[in-house]
Amino acid sequence: MPLFAPIAADIDALGWDCLLEGRIPTSLVDLQSFYLRKHSSWWKIKTWASHLVQHLLNITHRQWLYRNARIHLRKAEGLTTSEHEDIFELVKDMMLVDPSDLLPQHRKLLEQDYRELGKGTTVARKLWLQQMRSAISAADIVERQHQSGQRRQRKSSLSIAAVRNYDRYRHGSGIPVTARANLAKRVQP
């Protein structure tokens, strides 16, 4: 459609954000004005343009409401939806940790009833995540002590990824990382 190509180019040049903020290219207004006159519409171009801008601003407003609800609306246990989802993703990551990456006394953490953990409180999930992180750190410390001077064996990539994701979550959520946690951090392979 060659008729609409210049309008599409004008909209592209203007940009999506500007269009949604109500900045309409004059080529679109001119084409619509021609269409309204040709079809003897009772609509005037100013009325049509104001309705178009109103609809475009409603799109922006709905996007803003969605973002605010997603980011700021606190739901159960004082967390946002995205914070709940982050915790569930971290639990999924930690569930995949290889039991051989943990000390024998900590392997019971992986025998957790994950359905109950999922149905339980967020506090219980966070506690389990912290216990898993501590268990992995303890296994690393023991391994370093036993293998000092020897080349270190690599842990499973799932364990490494789970710990990185957990540490990234803790750092990003404003939870202070204690000096002890800093000492227990994994040595990057």
C-alpha atoms as a PDB file:
ATOM      1  CA  MET A   1       0.000   0.000   0.000  1.00  0.00           C
ATOM      2  CA  PRO A   2       2.001   2.957  -1.265  1.00  0.00           C
ATOM      3  CA  LEU A   3      -0.591   5.390   0.148  1.00  0.00           C
ATOM      4  CA  PHE A   4       0.272   4.426   3.715  1.00  0.00           C
ATOM      5  CA  ALA A   5       4.034   4.109   3.271  1.00  0.00           C
ATOM      6  CA  PRO A   6       4.775   7.816   3.925  1.00  0.00           C
ATOM      7  CA  ILE A   7       2.527   7.752   7.009  1.00  0.00           C
ATOM      8  CA  ALA A   8       4.267   4.632   8.313  1.00  0.00           C
ATOM      9  CA  ALA A   9       7.643   6.293   7.681  1.00  0.00           C
ATOM     10  CA  ASP A  10       6.472   9.417   9.564  1.00  0.00           C
ATOM     11  CA  ILE A  11       5.268   7.329  12.505  1.00  0.00           C
ATOM     12  CA  ASP A  12       8.568   5.425  12.534  1.00  0.00           C
ATOM     13  CA  ALA A  13      10.517   8.685  12.439  1.00  0.00           C
ATOM     14  CA  LEU A  14       8.395  10.093  15.240  1.00  0.00           C
ATOM     15  CA  GLY A  15       8.821   7.015  17.390  1.00  0.00           C
ATOM     16  CA  TRP A  16       6.470   4.783  19.327  1.00  0.00           C
ATOM     17  CA  ASP A  17       6.801   6.680  22.615  1.00  0.00           C
ATOM     18  CA  CYS A  18       5.946  10.002  20.990  1.00  0.00           C
ATOM     19  CA  LEU A  19       2.960   8.478  19.219  1.00  0.00           C
ATOM     20  CA  LEU A  20       1.619   7.017  22.472  1.00  0.00           C
ATOM     21  CA  GLU A  21       2.067  10.407  24.138  1.00  0.00           C
ATOM     22  CA  GLY A  22      -0.318  11.916  21.583  1.00  0.00           C
ATOM     23  CA  ARG A  23       2.058  13.341  18.997  1.00  0.00           C
ATOM     24  CA  ILE A  24       0.376  12.498  15.705  1.00  0.00           C
ATOM     25  CA  PRO A  25       2.152  13.009  12.379  1.00  0.00           C
ATOM     26  CA  THR A  26       0.537  15.656  10.192  1.00  0.00           C
ATOM     27  CA  SER A  27       0.511  13.234   7.259  1.00  0.00           C
ATOM     28  CA  LEU A  28      -1.898  11.004   9.221  1.00  0.00           C
ATOM     29  CA  VAL A  29      -4.114  13.975  10.086  1.00  0.00           C
ATOM     30  CA  ASP A  30      -4.124  15.115   6.452  1.00  0.00           C
ATOM     31  CA  LEU A  31      -5.067  11.643   5.188  1.00  0.00           C
ATOM     32  CA  GLN A  32      -7.812  11.259   7.787  1.00  0.00           C
ATOM     33  CA  SER A  33      -9.148  14.747   7.014  1.00  0.00           C
ATOM     34  CA  PHE A  34      -9.332  13.809   3.320  1.00  0.00           C
ATOM     35  CA  TYR A  35     -11.125  10.547   4.218  1.00  0.00           C
ATOM     36  CA  LEU A  36     -13.681  12.306   6.445  1.00  0.00           C
ATOM     37  CA  ARG A  37     -14.484  14.906   3.766  1.00  0.00           C
ATOM     38  CA  LYS A  38     -14.699  12.269   1.001  1.00  0.00           C
ATOM     39  CA  HIS A  39     -17.202  10.176   2.958  1.00  0.00           C
ATOM     40  CA  SER A  40     -19.209  13.173   4.205  1.00  0.00           C
ATOM     41  CA  SER A  41     -18.682  12.133   7.799  1.00  0.00           C
ATOM     42  CA  TRP A  42     -20.198  14.139  10.611  1.00  0.00           C
ATOM     43  CA  TRP A  43     -16.825  13.833  12.373  1.00  0.00           C
ATOM     44  CA  LYS A  44     -14.600  16.888  12.240  1.00  0.00           C
ATOM     45  CA  ILE A  45     -10.838  16.359  12.073  1.00  0.00           C
ATOM     46  CA  LYS A  46     -10.305  18.046  15.460  1.00  0.00           C
ATOM     47  CA  THR A  47     -12.837  15.709  17.099  1.00  0.00           C
ATOM     48  CA  TRP A  48     -11.289  12.667  15.448  1.00  0.00           C
ATOM     49  CA  ALA A  49      -7.770  13.731  16.459  1.00  0.00           C
ATOM     50  CA  SER A  50      -8.792  14.431  20.056  1.00  0.00           C
ATOM     51  CA  HIS A  51     -10.431  10.993  20.311  1.00  0.00           C
ATOM     52  CA  LEU A  52      -7.335   9.353  18.834  1.00  0.00           C
ATOM     53  CA  VAL A  53      -5.068  11.152  21.320  1.00  0.00           C
ATOM     54  CA  GLN A  54      -7.394  10.181  24.168  1.00  0.00           C
ATOM     55  CA  HIS A  55      -7.228   6.504  23.158  1.00  0.00           C
ATOM     56  CA  LEU A  56      -3.443   6.646  22.795  1.00  0.00           C
ATOM     57  CA  LEU A  57      -3.079   8.236  26.240  1.00  0.00           C
ATOM     58  CA  ASN A  58      -5.367   5.548  27.692  1.00  0.00           C
ATOM     59  CA  ILE A  59      -2.949   2.909  26.379  1.00  0.00           C
ATOM     60  CA  THR A  60      -0.059   4.670  28.110  1.00  0.00           C
ATOM     61  CA  HIS A  61      -2.075   5.046  31.300  1.00  0.00           C
ATOM     62  CA  ARG A  62      -3.019   1.348  31.355  1.00  0.00           C
ATOM     63  CA  GLN A  63       0.626   0.402  30.808  1.00  0.00           C
ATOM     64  CA  TRP A  64       1.609   2.674  33.693  1.00  0.00           C
ATOM     65  CA  LEU A  65      -1.067   1.142  35.959  1.00  0.00           C
ATOM     66  CA  TYR A  66       0.089  -2.360  35.060  1.00  0.00           C
ATOM     67  CA  ARG A  67       3.709  -1.460  35.774  1.00  0.00           C
ATOM     68  CA  ASN A  68       2.852   0.123  39.114  1.00  0.00           C
ATOM     69  CA  ALA A  69       0.758  -2.863  40.154  1.00  0.00           C
ATOM     70  CA  ARG A  70       3.557  -5.189  39.124  1.00  0.00           C
ATOM     71  CA  ILE A  71       6.343  -3.216  40.818  1.00  0.00           C
ATOM     72  CA  HIS A  72       4.773  -1.457  43.773  1.00  0.00           C
ATOM     73  CA  LEU A  73       1.560  -3.241  44.771  1.00  0.00           C
ATOM     74  CA  ARG A  74       2.323  -5.315  47.821  1.00  0.00           C
ATOM     75  CA  LYS A  75       0.393  -8.530  48.010  1.00  0.00           C
ATOM     76  CA  ALA A  76       0.589 -11.396  50.441  1.00  0.00           C
ATOM     77  CA  GLU A  77       3.393 -11.208  52.980  1.00  0.00           C
ATOM     78  CA  GLY A  78       4.311  -7.675  51.917  1.00  0.00           C
ATOM     79  CA  LEU A  79       5.953  -8.681  48.630  1.00  0.00           C
ATOM     80  CA  THR A  80       5.173  -7.675  45.077  1.00  0.00           C
ATOM     81  CA  THR A  81       4.173 -10.206  42.459  1.00  0.00           C
ATOM     82  CA  SER A  82       7.593 -10.041  40.830  1.00  0.00           C
ATOM     83  CA  GLU A  83       9.318 -10.595  44.201  1.00  0.00           C
ATOM     84  CA  HIS A  84       7.190 -13.715  44.770  1.00  0.00           C
ATOM     85  CA  GLU A  85       8.083 -14.953  41.282  1.00  0.00           C
ATOM     86  CA  ASP A  86      11.793 -14.302  41.907  1.00  0.00           C
ATOM     87  CA  ILE A  87      11.705 -16.395  45.069  1.00  0.00           C
ATOM     88  CA  PHE A  88       9.947 -19.256  43.270  1.00  0.00           C
ATOM     89  CA  GLU A  89      12.577 -19.148  40.506  1.00  0.00           C
ATOM     90  CA  LEU A  90      15.356 -19.285  43.094  1.00  0.00           C
ATOM     91  CA  VAL A  91      13.718 -22.277  44.769  1.00  0.00           C
ATOM     92  CA  LYS A  92      13.487 -24.008  41.373  1.00  0.00           C
ATOM     93  CA  ASP A  93      17.204 -23.347  40.805  1.00  0.00           C
ATOM     94  CA  MET A  94      18.216 -24.635  44.244  1.00  0.00           C
ATOM     95  CA  MET A  95      16.070 -27.767  43.833  1.00  0.00           C
ATOM     96  CA  LEU A  96      18.380 -28.800  40.979  1.00  0.00           C
ATOM     97  CA  VAL A  97      21.563 -28.651  43.046  1.00  0.00           C
ATOM     98  CA  ASP A  98      23.465 -31.929  42.889  1.00  0.00           C
ATOM     99  CA  PRO A  99      23.414 -33.651  46.321  1.00  0.00           C
ATOM    100  CA  SER A 100      27.124 -34.439  45.891  1.00  0.00           C
ATOM    101  CA  ASP A 101      27.783 -30.683  45.996  1.00  0.00           C
ATOM    102  CA  LEU A 102      26.631 -30.660  49.636  1.00  0.00           C
ATOM    103  CA  LEU A 103      28.079 -32.158  52.791  1.00  0.00           C
ATOM    104  CA  PRO A 104      26.326 -35.361  53.905  1.00  0.00           C
ATOM    105  CA  GLN A 105      24.669 -33.645  56.878  1.00  0.00           C
ATOM    106  CA  HIS A 106      23.131 -31.018  54.573  1.00  0.00           C
ATOM    107  CA  ARG A 107      21.747 -33.353  51.920  1.00  0.00           C
ATOM    108  CA  LYS A 108      18.517 -33.607  53.851  1.00  0.00           C
ATOM    109  CA  LEU A 109      17.716 -30.098  52.593  1.00  0.00           C
ATOM    110  CA  LEU A 110      17.204 -31.611  49.137  1.00  0.00           C
ATOM    111  CA  GLU A 111      14.782 -34.178  50.570  1.00  0.00           C
ATOM    112  CA  GLN A 112      12.379 -31.321  51.254  1.00  0.00           C
ATOM    113  CA  ASP A 113       8.755 -31.822  50.212  1.00  0.00           C
ATOM    114  CA  TYR A 114       8.742 -29.220  47.447  1.00  0.00           C
ATOM    115  CA  ARG A 115       4.956 -29.194  47.166  1.00  0.00           C
ATOM    116  CA  GLU A 116       4.707 -28.187  50.822  1.00  0.00           C
ATOM    117  CA  LEU A 117       7.468 -25.632  50.332  1.00  0.00           C
ATOM    118  CA  GLY A 118       5.518 -24.159  47.415  1.00  0.00           C
ATOM    119  CA  LYS A 119       2.273 -24.084  49.387  1.00  0.00           C
ATOM    120  CA  GLY A 120       3.966 -22.689  52.480  1.00  0.00           C
ATOM    121  CA  THR A 121       4.874 -19.144  53.363  1.00  0.00           C
ATOM    122  CA  THR A 122       7.417 -17.019  51.593  1.00  0.00           C
ATOM    123  CA  VAL A 123       9.334 -16.830  54.868  1.00  0.00           C
ATOM    124  CA  ALA A 124       9.698 -20.624  54.807  1.00  0.00           C
ATOM    125  CA  ARG A 125      10.945 -20.523  51.208  1.00  0.00           C
ATOM    126  CA  LYS A 126      13.444 -17.763  52.028  1.00  0.00           C
ATOM    127  CA  LEU A 127      14.669 -19.709  55.046  1.00  0.00           C
ATOM    128  CA  TRP A 128      15.166 -22.821  52.920  1.00  0.00           C
ATOM    129  CA  LEU A 129      17.041 -20.754  50.311  1.00  0.00           C
ATOM    130  CA  GLN A 130      19.346 -19.340  52.992  1.00  0.00           C
ATOM    131  CA  GLN A 131      19.946 -22.814  54.398  1.00  0.00           C
ATOM    132  CA  MET A 132      20.805 -24.116  50.936  1.00  0.00           C
ATOM    133  CA  ARG A 133      23.164 -21.207  50.308  1.00  0.00           C
ATOM    134  CA  SER A 134      24.874 -21.831  53.646  1.00  0.00           C
ATOM    135  CA  ALA A 135      25.124 -25.560  52.948  1.00  0.00           C
ATOM    136  CA  ILE A 136      26.778 -24.939  49.571  1.00  0.00           C
ATOM    137  CA  SER A 137      29.171 -22.438  51.152  1.00  0.00           C
ATOM    138  CA  ALA A 138      30.052 -24.899  53.925  1.00  0.00           C
ATOM    139  CA  ALA A 139      30.780 -27.595  51.350  1.00  0.00           C
ATOM    140  CA  ASP A 140      33.023 -25.157  49.477  1.00  0.00           C
ATOM    141  CA  ILE A 141      34.978 -24.301  52.624  1.00  0.00           C
ATOM    142  CA  VAL A 142      35.492 -27.965  53.514  1.00  0.00           C
ATOM    143  CA  GLU A 143      36.519 -28.725  49.935  1.00  0.00           C
ATOM    144  CA  ARG A 144      39.042 -25.875  49.928  1.00  0.00           C
ATOM    145  CA  GLN A 145      40.524 -27.098  53.200  1.00  0.00           C
ATOM    146  CA  HIS A 146      40.903 -30.647  51.884  1.00  0.00           C
ATOM    147  CA  GLN A 147      42.232 -29.624  48.514  1.00  0.00           C
ATOM    148  CA  SER A 148      44.562 -26.796  49.449  1.00  0.00           C
ATOM    149  CA  GLY A 149      47.462 -26.885  47.070  1.00  0.00           C
ATOM    150  CA  GLN A 150      45.635 -29.223  44.689  1.00  0.00           C
ATOM    151  CA  ARG A 151      43.633 -28.190  41.701  1.00  0.00           C
ATOM    152  CA  ARG A 152      40.073 -27.556  42.745  1.00  0.00           C
ATOM    153  CA  GLN A 153      37.336 -29.763  41.340  1.00  0.00           C
ATOM    154  CA  ARG A 154      34.488 -27.943  39.728  1.00  0.00           C
ATOM    155  CA  LYS A 155      31.048 -28.212  41.216  1.00  0.00           C
ATOM    156  CA  SER A 156      28.096 -28.926  38.995  1.00  0.00           C
ATOM    157  CA  SER A 157      27.093 -25.990  36.836  1.00  0.00           C
ATOM    158  CA  LEU A 158      23.596 -26.124  38.324  1.00  0.00           C
ATOM    159  CA  SER A 159      24.962 -25.487  41.810  1.00  0.00           C
ATOM    160  CA  ILE A 160      27.092 -22.616  40.582  1.00  0.00           C
ATOM    161  CA  ALA A 161      24.170 -21.056  38.703  1.00  0.00           C
ATOM    162  CA  ALA A 162      21.814 -21.470  41.659  1.00  0.00           C
ATOM    163  CA  VAL A 163      24.241 -19.737  44.015  1.00  0.00           C
ATOM    164  CA  ARG A 164      24.902 -16.918  41.549  1.00  0.00           C
ATOM    165  CA  ASN A 165      21.174 -16.331  41.063  1.00  0.00           C
ATOM    166  CA  TYR A 166      20.593 -16.344  44.812  1.00  0.00           C
ATOM    167  CA  ASP A 167      23.466 -13.932  45.458  1.00  0.00           C
ATOM    168  CA  ARG A 168      22.256 -11.671  42.649  1.00  0.00           C
ATOM    169  CA  TYR A 169      18.751 -11.716  44.175  1.00  0.00           C
ATOM    170  CA  ARG A 170      20.040 -10.886  47.645  1.00  0.00           C
ATOM    171  CA  HIS A 171      22.205  -8.098  46.315  1.00  0.00           C
ATOM    172  CA  GLY A 172      19.422  -6.652  44.156  1.00  0.00           C
ATOM    173  CA  SER A 173      16.714  -6.776  46.803  1.00  0.00           C
ATOM    174  CA  GLY A 174      18.643  -4.692  49.290  1.00  0.00           C
ATOM    175  CA  ILE A 175      19.222  -7.507  51.745  1.00  0.00           C
ATOM    176  CA  PRO A 176      22.530  -6.698  53.426  1.00  0.00           C
ATOM    177  CA  VAL A 177      25.157  -9.308  52.758  1.00  0.00           C
ATOM    178  CA  THR A 178      26.983  -9.918  55.999  1.00  0.00           C
ATOM    179  CA  ALA A 179      30.744 -10.196  56.370  1.00  0.00           C
ATOM    180  CA  ARG A 180      30.313 -13.898  57.128  1.00  0.00           C
ATOM    181  CA  ALA A 181      28.357 -14.406  53.931  1.00  0.00           C
ATOM    182  CA  ASN A 182      31.092 -12.573  52.039  1.00  0.00           C
ATOM    183  CA  LEU A 183      33.688 -14.976  53.443  1.00  0.00           C
ATOM    184  CA  ALA A 184      31.553 -17.942  52.492  1.00  0.00           C
ATOM    185  CA  LYS A 185      30.984 -16.826  48.895  1.00  0.00           C
ATOM    186  CA  ARG A 186      31.906 -19.334  46.255  1.00  0.00           C
ATOM    187  CA  VAL A 187      35.236 -19.077  44.521  1.00  0.00           C
ATOM    188  CA  GLN A 188      34.384 -18.415  40.903  1.00  0.00           C
ATOM    189  CA  PRO A 189      35.561 -21.281  38.658  1.00  0.00           C
END
